[in-house]
Amino acid sequence: MSTMRTLTMAQAISESIAQEMTRDANVFVMGEDIAGYGGIFGATAGLLEKFGPDRVMDTPISESAFIGAATGAAAAGLRPVVELMFVDFFGVCMDQIYNHMAKNTYMSGGALKLPVVLTTAIGGGYGDAAQHSQCLYATFAHMPGIKVVVPSNAYDAKGLMAQAVRDDNPVIFMYHKGIMGLPWMAYLEGSTNAVPEESYVIPFGVAKVVQEGTDVTIVTISQMVQKARLAAVLLAERGVSAEVIDLRTLVPLDRAAILASVKKTGRLLIADEDYLGFGMSGEISAIVAENLDTLVLKAPVMRLAVPNIPIPYSRPLEEFAIPQIKGIVEAVEKMMHTSVAPAVVKVQAQVA
């Protein structure tokens, strides 16, 4: 019988990596402060003590060097888990990520397998300012060759990490610092949940219905799942039944789950902590628009995301920029009092 424990997301990720390192001697971990310190967000805590410095290695502050080294190690038959401390730092190593890690399997005609798991912290909410608070998962989802995994809770994080390590393709595994369950950082409780002791995998490209509903679909990912779940509780008190969809991965994306839910509810809100412009919310809106022959919308699609500004340092401005529970509730209530007819009339008038 499975032994269930309540784990934080940080604990679940670390446990999953440890189990994969035990299962496969080719798995190793490298990055800044991931050994003795256990990662600044706890994702590699305890690994050095279990596996030693040959398999759990601190690196210099040279992201281009150690991500390039991870890509080379993968090409040679190893399975590296390499941590980029904050996703915001991708700029200093993007050549290694996109021109090598993401493309070299294709460039080699499939001769090279590159099973690299690139882990990185995302998200704001803690006054970390513009260079430490972004999500940017849509940036990586836009680039062919990388699978993009963004869990919202400990159970999913463990299973998705195991799947990531076993995948023969590059995977970027993005964890929101605000749901890691760290004692020194306030976090939304829904991310800490029951996790089996044994290893298990969750396949990529399978979204999860966090809460079933009939009036509106809220599609989201990462910490915003927890905000949407709490917003759904408030909406239920006001007589609105919201269905919350946790995408779990952006690449591959579970388009069928999105369309099935919108077909049921007739309304769609995309809640996103990434940027509004050219992002996840636009992609999902386009998927719905391309399938209107099979859908009947009761209201125009709404998008709630970060405006196209740097994340502010000021706490009130940061809270304004990043979608909150109250904003989700207000957006849904607006949708419940809006029909598609005015939007259609407006478009027709503009064309005329």
Protein backbone atom coordinates (compact mmCIF):
# COMPACT_ATOMS: atom_id res chain seq x y z
CA MET A 1 0.00 0.00 0.00
CA SER A 2 1.23 3.48 -0.85
CA THR A 3 2.53 5.58 2.05
CA MET A 4 1.23 9.13 1.75
CA ARG A 5 2.89 12.10 3.43
CA THR A 6 2.22 15.82 3.23
CA LEU A 7 5.13 17.43 1.42
CA THR A 8 5.96 20.90 0.25
CA MET A 9 6.71 21.32 -3.42
CA ALA A 10 10.40 21.79 -2.64
CA GLN A 11 10.47 18.51 -0.71
CA ALA A 12 8.61 16.68 -3.47
CA ILE A 13 11.00 17.88 -6.17
CA SER A 14 14.07 16.95 -4.12
CA GLU A 15 12.62 13.52 -3.33
CA SER A 16 11.83 12.86 -6.97
CA ILE A 17 15.35 13.78 -8.09
CA ALA A 18 16.82 11.56 -5.36
CA GLN A 19 14.71 8.60 -6.47
CA GLU A 20 15.76 9.10 -10.09
CA MET A 21 19.42 9.33 -9.05
CA THR A 22 19.02 6.04 -7.15
CA ARG A 23 17.29 4.41 -10.11
CA ASP A 24 19.79 5.61 -12.73
CA ALA A 25 23.50 6.20 -12.03
CA ASN A 26 23.69 8.49 -15.07
CA VAL A 27 21.58 11.15 -13.35
CA PHE A 28 23.52 13.95 -11.68
CA VAL A 29 22.80 17.49 -10.48
CA MET A 30 24.70 20.74 -10.97
CA GLY A 31 24.16 24.47 -10.50
CA GLU A 32 24.71 27.43 -8.22
CA ASP A 33 24.31 26.70 -4.48
CA ILE A 34 22.57 23.38 -5.15
CA ALA A 35 24.94 21.19 -3.11
CA GLY A 36 25.69 22.22 0.47
CA TYR A 37 22.96 24.85 0.48
CA GLY A 38 20.41 22.59 -1.20
CA GLY A 39 19.29 25.26 -3.66
CA ILE A 40 18.02 28.63 -2.54
CA PHE A 41 14.44 27.37 -2.98
CA GLY A 42 15.09 23.90 -1.54
CA ALA A 43 14.76 21.90 -4.76
CA THR A 44 17.98 19.93 -4.16
CA ALA A 45 17.98 19.76 -0.35
CA GLY A 46 19.67 16.65 1.05
CA LEU A 47 21.05 15.39 -2.25
CA LEU A 48 24.71 16.11 -1.46
CA GLU A 49 24.53 14.02 1.72
CA LYS A 50 22.96 11.09 -0.16
CA PHE A 51 25.02 11.07 -3.34
CA GLY A 52 28.23 12.98 -2.67
CA PRO A 53 30.08 15.74 -4.57
CA ASP A 54 30.70 13.64 -7.70
CA ARG A 55 26.98 13.64 -8.51
CA VAL A 56 25.82 16.85 -6.80
CA MET A 57 28.06 19.72 -7.89
CA ASP A 58 28.10 23.42 -7.11
CA THR A 59 29.20 25.51 -10.06
CA PRO A 60 30.76 28.94 -10.50
CA ILE A 61 28.47 31.86 -11.36
CA SER A 62 28.75 31.17 -15.07
CA GLU A 63 25.39 30.03 -16.38
CA SER A 64 26.54 29.73 -19.97
CA ALA A 65 29.38 27.43 -18.91
CA PHE A 66 27.45 25.01 -16.72
CA ILE A 67 24.37 24.80 -18.95
CA GLY A 68 26.69 24.16 -21.88
CA ALA A 69 28.46 21.50 -19.80
CA ALA A 70 25.10 19.88 -19.02
CA THR A 71 24.22 19.77 -22.71
CA GLY A 72 27.56 18.17 -23.52
CA ALA A 73 27.16 15.64 -20.72
CA ALA A 74 23.74 14.69 -22.05
CA ALA A 75 25.16 14.21 -25.53
CA ALA A 76 27.73 11.85 -23.98
CA GLY A 77 25.06 9.67 -22.38
CA LEU A 78 24.47 11.23 -18.95
CA ARG A 79 21.21 12.69 -17.66
CA PRO A 80 21.94 16.05 -16.01
CA VAL A 81 19.54 18.05 -13.85
CA VAL A 82 20.91 21.58 -14.00
CA GLU A 83 19.51 24.55 -12.07
CA LEU A 84 19.31 28.09 -13.42
CA MET A 85 18.70 29.94 -10.16
CA PHE A 86 16.15 32.43 -11.56
CA VAL A 87 14.53 32.21 -14.98
CA ASP A 88 15.29 35.91 -15.38
CA PHE A 89 18.95 34.96 -15.83
CA PHE A 90 18.23 33.12 -19.08
CA GLY A 91 19.66 36.01 -21.08
CA VAL A 92 23.25 35.23 -20.10
CA CYS A 93 22.98 31.62 -21.30
CA MET A 94 20.35 31.71 -24.03
CA ASP A 95 22.78 30.63 -26.73
CA GLN A 96 23.46 27.41 -24.82
CA ILE A 97 19.75 26.83 -24.14
CA TYR A 98 18.27 27.59 -27.51
CA ASN A 99 21.02 27.16 -30.07
CA HIS A 100 22.48 24.03 -28.51
CA MET A 101 20.27 22.28 -25.95
CA ALA A 102 17.05 22.82 -27.91
CA LYS A 103 18.36 22.37 -31.46
CA ASN A 104 21.19 19.85 -31.49
CA THR A 105 18.97 16.77 -31.66
CA TYR A 106 17.40 18.25 -34.78
CA MET A 107 20.73 19.48 -36.16
CA SER A 108 22.23 16.02 -35.75
CA GLY A 109 19.40 14.39 -37.67
CA GLY A 110 18.26 12.64 -34.49
CA ALA A 111 21.65 11.09 -33.78
CA LEU A 112 22.01 12.91 -30.46
CA LYS A 113 19.70 12.56 -27.51
CA LEU A 114 19.83 15.47 -25.05
CA PRO A 115 18.05 14.42 -21.84
CA VAL A 116 18.72 17.67 -19.95
CA VAL A 117 16.35 18.85 -17.22
CA LEU A 118 16.82 22.58 -16.75
CA THR A 119 15.15 23.63 -13.48
CA THR A 120 14.52 27.27 -12.65
CA ALA A 121 12.55 29.48 -10.26
CA ILE A 122 9.84 31.77 -11.59
CA GLY A 123 7.33 34.30 -10.32
CA GLY A 124 6.90 37.45 -8.29
CA GLY A 125 4.99 38.64 -5.28
CA TYR A 126 7.92 39.26 -2.93
CA GLY A 127 9.40 42.60 -3.93
CA ASP A 128 12.24 41.01 -5.90
CA ALA A 129 11.86 43.61 -8.66
CA ALA A 130 12.10 43.38 -12.43
CA GLN A 131 15.12 41.08 -12.74
CA HIS A 132 13.99 38.33 -10.32
CA SER A 133 10.19 38.17 -10.63
CA GLN A 134 9.21 37.06 -14.12
CA CYS A 135 7.63 33.79 -15.25
CA LEU A 136 8.64 33.71 -18.93
CA TYR A 137 7.32 30.19 -19.60
CA ALA A 138 5.71 31.42 -22.80
CA THR A 139 9.14 32.53 -24.02
CA PHE A 140 10.41 28.95 -23.83
CA ALA A 141 7.15 27.45 -25.09
CA HIS A 142 7.59 29.59 -28.20
CA MET A 143 10.88 27.86 -29.03
CA PRO A 144 10.81 24.44 -30.73
CA GLY A 145 12.83 21.69 -29.09
CA ILE A 146 12.12 22.27 -25.40
CA LYS A 147 9.36 20.73 -23.31
CA VAL A 148 7.96 23.18 -20.75
CA VAL A 149 6.72 21.88 -17.37
CA VAL A 150 5.18 24.17 -14.74
CA PRO A 151 3.65 22.35 -11.72
CA SER A 152 1.25 23.92 -9.23
CA ASN A 153 1.53 21.52 -6.28
CA ALA A 154 3.77 18.94 -4.61
CA TYR A 155 2.02 15.82 -5.95
CA ASP A 156 2.27 16.98 -9.55
CA ALA A 157 5.80 18.30 -9.09
CA LYS A 158 7.12 14.90 -8.00
CA GLY A 159 5.51 12.96 -10.84
CA LEU A 160 6.37 15.54 -13.48
CA MET A 161 10.00 15.68 -12.33
CA ALA A 162 10.36 11.91 -12.65
CA GLN A 163 8.91 12.11 -16.14
CA ALA A 164 11.27 14.97 -17.00
CA VAL A 165 14.39 13.07 -15.90
CA ARG A 166 13.37 10.01 -17.92
CA ASP A 167 12.54 12.00 -21.06
CA ASP A 168 15.16 11.85 -23.82
CA ASN A 169 14.46 15.46 -24.81
CA PRO A 170 15.38 18.78 -23.15
CA VAL A 171 12.86 19.79 -20.49
CA ILE A 172 12.64 23.11 -18.69
CA PHE A 173 11.06 22.52 -15.28
CA MET A 174 9.81 25.79 -13.82
CA TYR A 175 8.76 26.09 -10.17
CA HIS A 176 7.12 29.18 -8.75
CA LYS A 177 9.04 30.31 -5.68
CA GLY A 178 5.75 31.37 -4.07
CA ILE A 179 4.43 27.79 -3.84
CA MET A 180 7.59 25.92 -2.86
CA GLY A 181 6.51 25.86 0.79
CA LEU A 182 9.58 27.52 2.22
CA PRO A 183 9.35 28.55 5.90
CA TRP A 184 10.85 31.97 5.24
CA MET A 185 8.42 32.84 2.44
CA ALA A 186 4.64 33.08 2.68
CA TYR A 187 2.93 30.73 0.24
CA LEU A 188 -0.51 29.52 -0.82
CA GLU A 189 -1.37 26.39 1.15
CA GLY A 190 -2.88 24.44 -1.73
CA SER A 191 0.54 23.70 -3.16
CA THR A 192 1.52 21.54 -0.17
CA ASN A 193 -0.38 18.26 -0.37
CA ALA A 194 -0.29 14.48 0.01
CA VAL A 195 2.47 12.77 -1.97
CA PRO A 196 3.16 9.00 -2.28
CA GLU A 197 6.48 7.76 -0.97
CA GLU A 198 7.20 5.60 -4.01
CA SER A 199 8.27 6.97 -7.38
CA TYR A 200 5.64 7.66 -10.04
CA VAL A 201 5.38 9.62 -13.27
CA ILE A 202 2.79 12.04 -14.59
CA PRO A 203 2.77 12.14 -18.40
CA PHE A 204 3.32 15.45 -20.14
CA GLY A 205 0.50 17.09 -22.04
CA VAL A 206 -2.31 15.99 -19.71
CA ALA A 207 -4.11 18.86 -18.01
CA LYS A 208 -5.91 18.39 -14.71
CA VAL A 209 -9.42 19.52 -13.81
CA VAL A 210 -8.73 20.97 -10.37
CA GLN A 211 -12.38 21.82 -9.82
CA GLU A 212 -15.38 20.99 -11.97
CA GLY A 213 -17.86 23.70 -12.89
CA THR A 214 -20.58 24.59 -15.37
CA ASP A 215 -20.64 28.39 -15.80
CA VAL A 216 -17.09 29.39 -16.72
CA THR A 217 -13.73 27.78 -17.48
CA ILE A 218 -10.61 29.23 -15.85
CA VAL A 219 -7.47 27.97 -17.59
CA THR A 220 -4.23 28.59 -15.76
CA ILE A 221 -0.90 27.20 -14.56
CA SER A 222 1.58 27.31 -11.65
CA GLN A 223 0.78 29.51 -8.63
CA MET A 224 -2.18 31.00 -10.45
CA VAL A 225 -3.89 27.61 -10.11
CA GLN A 226 -4.05 28.13 -6.36
CA LYS A 227 -5.38 31.66 -6.80
CA ALA A 228 -8.00 30.41 -9.26
CA ARG A 229 -9.03 27.65 -6.89
CA LEU A 230 -9.58 30.15 -4.07
CA ALA A 231 -11.40 32.50 -6.46
CA ALA A 232 -13.70 29.62 -7.43
CA VAL A 233 -14.70 29.24 -3.78
CA LEU A 234 -15.67 32.92 -3.63
CA LEU A 235 -17.53 32.65 -6.92
CA ALA A 236 -19.49 29.64 -5.66
CA GLU A 237 -20.69 31.75 -2.75
CA ARG A 238 -22.06 34.16 -5.36
CA GLY A 239 -23.78 31.43 -7.33
CA VAL A 240 -21.19 31.00 -10.09
CA SER A 241 -19.81 27.53 -10.83
CA ALA A 242 -16.22 27.81 -12.09
CA GLU A 243 -14.21 24.99 -13.65
CA VAL A 244 -10.47 25.35 -13.01
CA ILE A 245 -8.05 23.72 -15.46
CA ASP A 246 -4.39 23.28 -14.47
CA LEU A 247 -2.42 22.87 -17.70
CA ARG A 248 0.63 21.44 -15.85
CA THR A 249 2.70 21.57 -19.07
CA LEU A 250 2.75 24.15 -21.86
CA VAL A 251 4.77 21.94 -24.20
CA PRO A 252 3.08 19.64 -24.91
CA LEU A 253 -0.22 21.47 -24.41
CA ASP A 254 -3.49 19.67 -23.71
CA ARG A 255 -5.66 21.46 -26.25
CA ALA A 256 -8.40 18.85 -26.01
CA ALA A 257 -8.93 19.51 -22.29
CA ILE A 258 -9.28 23.25 -22.90
CA LEU A 259 -11.79 22.80 -25.70
CA ALA A 260 -13.81 20.18 -23.83
CA SER A 261 -14.22 22.47 -20.83
CA VAL A 262 -15.09 25.55 -22.88
CA LYS A 263 -17.60 23.50 -24.85
CA LYS A 264 -19.27 22.65 -21.54
CA THR A 265 -19.26 26.11 -19.93
CA GLY A 266 -19.36 28.49 -22.90
CA ARG A 267 -17.08 30.97 -21.15
CA LEU A 268 -13.28 31.17 -20.88
CA LEU A 269 -10.98 33.17 -18.66
CA ILE A 270 -7.23 32.65 -18.97
CA ALA A 271 -5.44 33.64 -15.75
CA ASP A 272 -1.71 34.00 -16.22
CA GLU A 273 1.28 35.41 -14.31
CA ASP A 274 3.30 35.71 -17.49
CA TYR A 275 3.08 38.76 -19.75
CA LEU A 276 -0.14 39.50 -21.60
CA GLY A 277 1.45 40.27 -24.96
CA PHE A 278 2.34 37.30 -27.22
CA GLY A 279 1.96 34.83 -24.36
CA MET A 280 0.08 31.82 -23.05
CA SER A 281 -3.21 33.71 -22.85
CA GLY A 282 -3.00 34.69 -26.52
CA GLU A 283 -2.18 31.13 -27.60
CA ILE A 284 -5.12 29.64 -25.72
CA SER A 285 -7.44 32.36 -27.04
CA ALA A 286 -6.32 31.49 -30.58
CA ILE A 287 -6.96 27.78 -30.02
CA VAL A 288 -10.54 28.57 -29.00
CA ALA A 289 -11.00 30.97 -31.91
CA GLU A 290 -9.79 28.33 -34.37
CA ASN A 291 -12.39 25.90 -33.06
CA LEU A 292 -15.48 28.10 -32.95
CA ASP A 293 -17.18 25.76 -35.38
CA THR A 294 -17.51 23.29 -32.49
CA LEU A 295 -18.08 25.79 -29.66
CA VAL A 296 -20.85 28.15 -28.60
CA LEU A 297 -19.46 31.04 -26.56
CA LYS A 298 -21.77 32.88 -24.18
CA ALA A 299 -19.28 35.72 -23.67
CA PRO A 300 -16.04 36.92 -25.28
CA VAL A 301 -12.86 35.23 -24.08
CA MET A 302 -11.15 37.20 -21.33
CA ARG A 303 -7.44 37.32 -20.51
CA LEU A 304 -5.99 38.26 -17.14
CA ALA A 305 -2.19 38.54 -17.19
CA VAL A 306 0.73 40.81 -16.38
CA PRO A 307 0.65 44.02 -18.43
CA ASN A 308 3.64 44.58 -20.68
CA ILE A 309 5.73 46.36 -18.07
CA PRO A 310 8.71 45.27 -15.95
CA ILE A 311 7.58 43.77 -12.63
CA PRO A 312 7.67 46.68 -10.13
CA TYR A 313 9.65 46.55 -6.89
CA SER A 314 6.99 48.52 -4.99
CA ARG A 315 4.66 46.09 -3.21
CA PRO A 316 1.40 47.91 -4.13
CA LEU A 317 2.51 48.27 -7.76
CA GLU A 318 3.62 44.64 -7.90
CA GLU A 319 0.24 43.50 -6.57
CA PHE A 320 -1.42 45.63 -9.22
CA ALA A 321 0.69 44.14 -12.01
CA ILE A 322 0.34 40.48 -11.04
CA PRO A 323 -3.21 39.03 -11.23
CA GLN A 324 -4.75 38.40 -7.81
CA ILE A 325 -7.72 36.40 -6.49
CA LYS A 326 -9.91 39.49 -6.43
CA GLY A 327 -9.13 40.19 -10.09
CA ILE A 328 -10.12 36.66 -11.11
CA VAL A 329 -13.46 37.01 -9.30
CA GLU A 330 -14.15 40.39 -10.87
CA ALA A 331 -13.26 39.17 -14.35
CA VAL A 332 -15.60 36.18 -14.07
CA GLU A 333 -18.44 38.31 -12.73
CA LYS A 334 -18.01 40.66 -15.66
CA MET A 335 -18.19 37.71 -18.04
CA MET A 336 -21.37 36.47 -16.41
CA HIS A 337 -23.04 39.78 -17.31
CA THR A 338 -21.67 39.98 -20.88
CA SER A 339 -22.82 38.28 -24.05
CA VAL A 340 -21.03 37.74 -27.34
CA ALA A 341 -23.58 39.76 -29.31
CA PRO A 342 -22.16 43.26 -28.58
CA ALA A 343 -18.67 42.11 -29.59
CA VAL A 344 -19.99 40.72 -32.89
CA VAL A 345 -21.92 43.91 -33.64
CA LYS A 346 -18.84 46.02 -32.89
CA VAL A 347 -16.66 43.98 -35.25
CA GLN A 348 -19.26 44.20 -38.01
CA ALA A 349 -19.49 48.01 -37.58
CA GLN A 350 -15.71 48.37 -37.83
CA VAL A 351 -15.62 46.29 -41.02
CA ALA A 352 -18.44 48.31 -42.55
